Amino acid sequence: MLLHATILAILYYCIKEMATVTDSELLYRIKANPSAFEELFSLYYKPIFGYIFRRTANFDDAADIAADTFLRAFLHINKFEYRGIAIKVWLYRIATNEVNLYFRNQQKHNSLFEKASFESIEQFQHYKFQDKLEMEAELSRHQQFADILTQLKALPVKYQEIISLRYFEGKDNKEISEILGRNEGTIKSLLSRGLEKLRKKCNQF
């Protein structure tokens, strides 16, 4: 049910840690009972949000894009079939597409959560405010990273996404290949060219 998707941000803070399950088991649970989607959210919200935040460097936009990412995943999870591609990889694909759409549009998304009405919205807003302070403080403490991020965002998107996945998210070429749907040779080539362009922009490294 769609209402469940709108309250997932709150569930991240209040559900207990789930036992580790395989992708196939998790998919089976979700397809049998959509409310089990909260398990997927609890496992993957933090890394996906972190990836989006490091791509955009804007907390509010990252929160909106993460909401859109998980809503899209919720709406299409029944079509997902485990064929060697992990759920986490699938989520990174969706998040990457949403971030690229954000950059193309260059306009702020309307927050999914602001459209909804539910009892715990004040609690969610409190957590969101605290997270915003912490993450923006972390970013400000690393001015060099912020400067590099500014230069990275000036590169074509095809370089941004590969460099971000490799160096911000710690993904290897195989994982990046799965997320972006490109072969590893192309990933290696784009990464090399992208880094060279970034070096020239930053005049360092």
Protein backbone atom coordinates (compact mmCIF):
# COMPACT_ATOMS: atom_id res chain seq x y z
CA MET A 1 0.00 0.00 0.00
CA LEU A 2 1.25 3.44 -0.98
CA LEU A 3 0.80 4.91 2.49
CA HIS A 4 3.53 2.57 3.67
CA ALA A 5 5.95 4.12 1.18
CA THR A 6 5.28 7.59 2.52
CA ILE A 7 6.20 6.71 6.11
CA LEU A 8 9.40 4.78 5.35
CA ALA A 9 11.61 7.68 6.39
CA ILE A 10 10.20 7.43 9.90
CA LEU A 11 10.55 3.67 10.04
CA TYR A 12 14.29 3.96 9.49
CA TYR A 13 14.62 5.54 12.92
CA CYS A 14 12.23 3.35 14.84
CA ILE A 15 12.39 -0.26 13.59
CA LYS A 16 14.79 -2.71 15.16
CA GLU A 17 17.75 -4.13 13.29
CA MET A 18 16.60 -6.98 11.11
CA ALA A 19 18.35 -10.33 10.80
CA THR A 20 20.43 -10.68 7.66
CA VAL A 21 18.50 -12.28 4.83
CA THR A 22 19.38 -13.12 1.25
CA ASP A 23 18.06 -11.04 -1.64
CA SER A 24 15.83 -13.88 -2.79
CA GLU A 25 14.35 -14.29 0.71
CA LEU A 26 13.75 -10.56 1.02
CA LEU A 27 12.09 -10.39 -2.38
CA TYR A 28 9.85 -13.31 -1.49
CA ARG A 29 8.76 -11.57 1.72
CA ILE A 30 8.04 -8.27 -0.01
CA LYS A 31 6.09 -9.83 -2.85
CA ALA A 32 4.06 -11.85 -0.36
CA ASN A 33 3.50 -8.86 1.93
CA PRO A 34 4.33 -5.30 0.76
CA SER A 35 4.78 -4.15 4.36
CA ALA A 36 8.04 -6.16 4.38
CA PHE A 37 9.47 -3.40 2.18
CA GLU A 38 10.41 -1.67 5.44
CA GLU A 39 13.14 -4.32 5.87
CA LEU A 40 14.70 -3.31 2.56
CA PHE A 41 14.43 0.35 3.54
CA SER A 42 16.11 -0.23 6.88
CA LEU A 43 18.99 -2.09 5.23
CA TYR A 44 19.70 0.31 2.39
CA TYR A 45 18.38 3.79 3.15
CA LYS A 46 21.55 5.08 4.80
CA PRO A 47 24.05 4.11 2.04
CA ILE A 48 21.70 5.23 -0.72
CA PHE A 49 21.02 8.55 0.98
CA GLY A 50 24.75 9.03 1.56
CA TYR A 51 25.47 8.41 -2.11
CA ILE A 52 22.82 10.93 -3.19
CA PHE A 53 24.02 13.52 -0.67
CA ARG A 54 27.63 13.22 -1.86
CA ARG A 55 26.47 13.66 -5.45
CA THR A 56 24.34 16.73 -4.76
CA ALA A 57 25.98 18.26 -1.64
CA ASN A 58 22.52 19.51 -0.67
CA PHE A 59 20.76 17.85 2.26
CA ASP A 60 17.19 18.86 1.44
CA ASP A 61 17.45 17.87 -2.22
CA ALA A 62 19.16 14.61 -1.25
CA ALA A 63 16.29 13.81 1.14
CA ASP A 64 13.75 14.43 -1.62
CA ILE A 65 15.67 12.38 -4.18
CA ALA A 66 16.10 9.52 -1.69
CA ALA A 67 12.35 9.58 -1.08
CA ASP A 68 11.70 9.42 -4.81
CA THR A 69 14.22 6.58 -5.15
CA PHE A 70 12.55 4.40 -2.55
CA LEU A 71 9.06 5.24 -3.74
CA ARG A 72 10.07 4.16 -7.25
CA ALA A 73 11.60 0.99 -5.83
CA PHE A 74 8.42 0.30 -3.85
CA LEU A 75 6.25 0.73 -6.93
CA HIS A 76 8.40 -1.56 -9.09
CA ILE A 77 9.69 -4.17 -6.63
CA ASN A 78 7.19 -6.76 -7.87
CA LYS A 79 8.80 -6.58 -11.33
CA PHE A 80 12.31 -7.10 -9.96
CA GLU A 81 13.67 -10.61 -10.40
CA TYR A 82 16.90 -11.76 -8.79
CA ARG A 83 19.17 -12.80 -11.68
CA GLY A 84 22.61 -12.19 -10.24
CA ILE A 85 22.06 -8.45 -9.78
CA ALA A 86 21.74 -7.58 -6.09
CA ILE A 87 18.87 -5.48 -4.77
CA LYS A 88 21.43 -2.93 -3.55
CA VAL A 89 22.80 -2.58 -7.09
CA TRP A 90 19.25 -2.10 -8.38
CA LEU A 91 18.69 0.66 -5.80
CA TYR A 92 21.93 2.38 -6.81
CA ARG A 93 20.72 2.28 -10.42
CA ILE A 94 17.46 3.96 -9.47
CA ALA A 95 19.25 6.52 -7.30
CA THR A 96 21.73 7.28 -10.10
CA ASN A 97 18.87 7.87 -12.54
CA GLU A 98 17.09 10.11 -10.05
CA VAL A 99 20.25 12.16 -9.40
CA ASN A 100 20.88 12.53 -13.12
CA LEU A 101 17.28 13.67 -13.60
CA TYR A 102 17.83 16.19 -10.79
CA PHE A 103 20.90 17.59 -12.54
CA ARG A 104 19.08 17.74 -15.88
CA ASN A 105 16.14 19.57 -14.44
CA GLN A 106 18.16 21.72 -12.03
CA GLN A 107 15.08 22.38 -9.99
CA LYS A 108 14.24 21.25 -6.53
CA HIS A 109 12.07 18.17 -6.15
CA ASN A 110 8.93 18.45 -4.09
CA SER A 111 9.41 16.34 -1.01
CA LEU A 112 7.36 13.15 -0.92
CA PHE A 113 7.10 13.44 2.85
CA GLU A 114 5.84 17.02 2.80
CA LYS A 115 2.90 15.88 0.67
CA ALA A 116 1.85 13.30 3.22
CA SER A 117 0.02 13.70 6.48
CA PHE A 118 0.82 11.33 9.31
CA GLU A 119 1.07 11.46 13.07
CA SER A 120 4.84 11.26 13.39
CA ILE A 121 5.78 13.99 10.93
CA GLU A 122 7.10 16.24 13.71
CA GLN A 123 9.38 13.47 14.92
CA PHE A 124 10.65 12.87 11.39
CA GLN A 125 11.30 16.58 10.89
CA HIS A 126 13.29 16.59 14.15
CA TYR A 127 15.49 13.71 12.98
CA LYS A 128 15.86 15.28 9.56
CA PHE A 129 16.98 18.58 11.12
CA GLN A 130 19.55 16.82 13.31
CA ASP A 131 20.90 14.82 10.37
CA LYS A 132 21.13 17.98 8.30
CA LEU A 133 23.21 19.75 10.93
CA GLU A 134 25.54 16.76 11.31
CA MET A 135 26.08 16.12 7.61
CA GLU A 136 26.55 19.74 6.64
CA ALA A 137 28.99 20.19 9.53
CA GLU A 138 30.90 17.14 8.29
CA LEU A 139 31.02 18.60 4.79
CA SER A 140 32.24 21.98 6.06
CA ARG A 141 35.07 20.29 7.99
CA HIS A 142 36.41 18.90 4.75
CA GLN A 143 36.78 22.00 2.60
CA GLN A 144 39.10 20.25 0.16
CA PHE A 145 36.46 17.61 -0.48
CA ALA A 146 33.84 20.35 -0.95
CA ASP A 147 36.10 22.10 -3.47
CA ILE A 148 36.67 18.87 -5.39
CA LEU A 149 32.94 18.15 -5.36
CA THR A 150 32.29 21.56 -6.90
CA GLN A 151 34.70 20.79 -9.72
CA LEU A 152 33.30 17.27 -10.13
CA LYS A 153 29.78 18.66 -10.62
CA ALA A 154 31.13 20.72 -13.53
CA LEU A 155 32.07 17.53 -15.42
CA PRO A 156 29.67 15.67 -17.74
CA VAL A 157 27.33 13.36 -15.82
CA LYS A 158 28.96 10.21 -17.25
CA TYR A 159 32.16 11.10 -15.39
CA GLN A 160 30.41 12.34 -12.25
CA GLU A 161 28.57 9.09 -11.62
CA ILE A 162 31.60 6.84 -12.19
CA ILE A 163 34.00 8.90 -10.05
CA SER A 164 31.39 9.22 -7.29
CA LEU A 165 30.68 5.49 -7.21
CA ARG A 166 34.38 4.60 -7.26
CA TYR A 167 35.81 7.08 -4.79
CA PHE A 168 32.87 8.22 -2.63
CA GLU A 169 31.07 4.87 -2.40
CA GLY A 170 34.10 2.55 -2.69
CA LYS A 171 32.62 0.47 -5.51
CA ASP A 172 34.94 -1.56 -7.72
CA ASN A 173 34.71 -1.56 -11.53
CA LYS A 174 32.54 -4.69 -11.55
CA GLU A 175 29.98 -3.17 -9.18
CA ILE A 176 29.97 0.12 -11.10
CA SER A 177 29.45 -1.86 -14.31
CA GLU A 178 26.39 -3.55 -12.77
CA ILE A 179 24.95 -0.30 -11.43
CA LEU A 180 25.40 1.71 -14.64
CA GLY A 181 24.81 -1.12 -17.12
CA ARG A 182 28.12 -0.56 -18.94
CA ASN A 183 30.90 -3.06 -19.55
CA GLU A 184 33.98 -2.95 -17.33
CA GLY A 185 36.25 -1.81 -20.16
CA THR A 186 34.09 1.26 -20.73
CA ILE A 187 34.00 1.95 -16.98
CA LYS A 188 37.80 1.78 -16.77
CA SER A 189 38.20 4.10 -19.75
CA LEU A 190 35.63 6.65 -18.54
CA LEU A 191 37.13 6.61 -15.05
CA SER A 192 40.60 7.32 -16.40
CA ARG A 193 39.42 10.16 -18.64
CA GLY A 194 37.19 11.58 -15.91
CA LEU A 195 40.00 11.65 -13.37
CA GLU A 196 42.29 13.39 -15.84
CA LYS A 197 39.64 16.05 -16.47
CA LEU A 198 39.10 16.45 -12.73
CA ARG A 199 42.85 16.77 -12.10
CA LYS A 200 43.05 19.55 -14.64
CA LYS A 201 40.13 21.36 -13.04
CA CYS A 202 41.48 21.02 -9.53
CA ASN A 203 45.12 21.50 -10.55
CA GLN A 204 46.07 19.08 -7.80
CA PHE A 205 46.00 15.37 -6.81
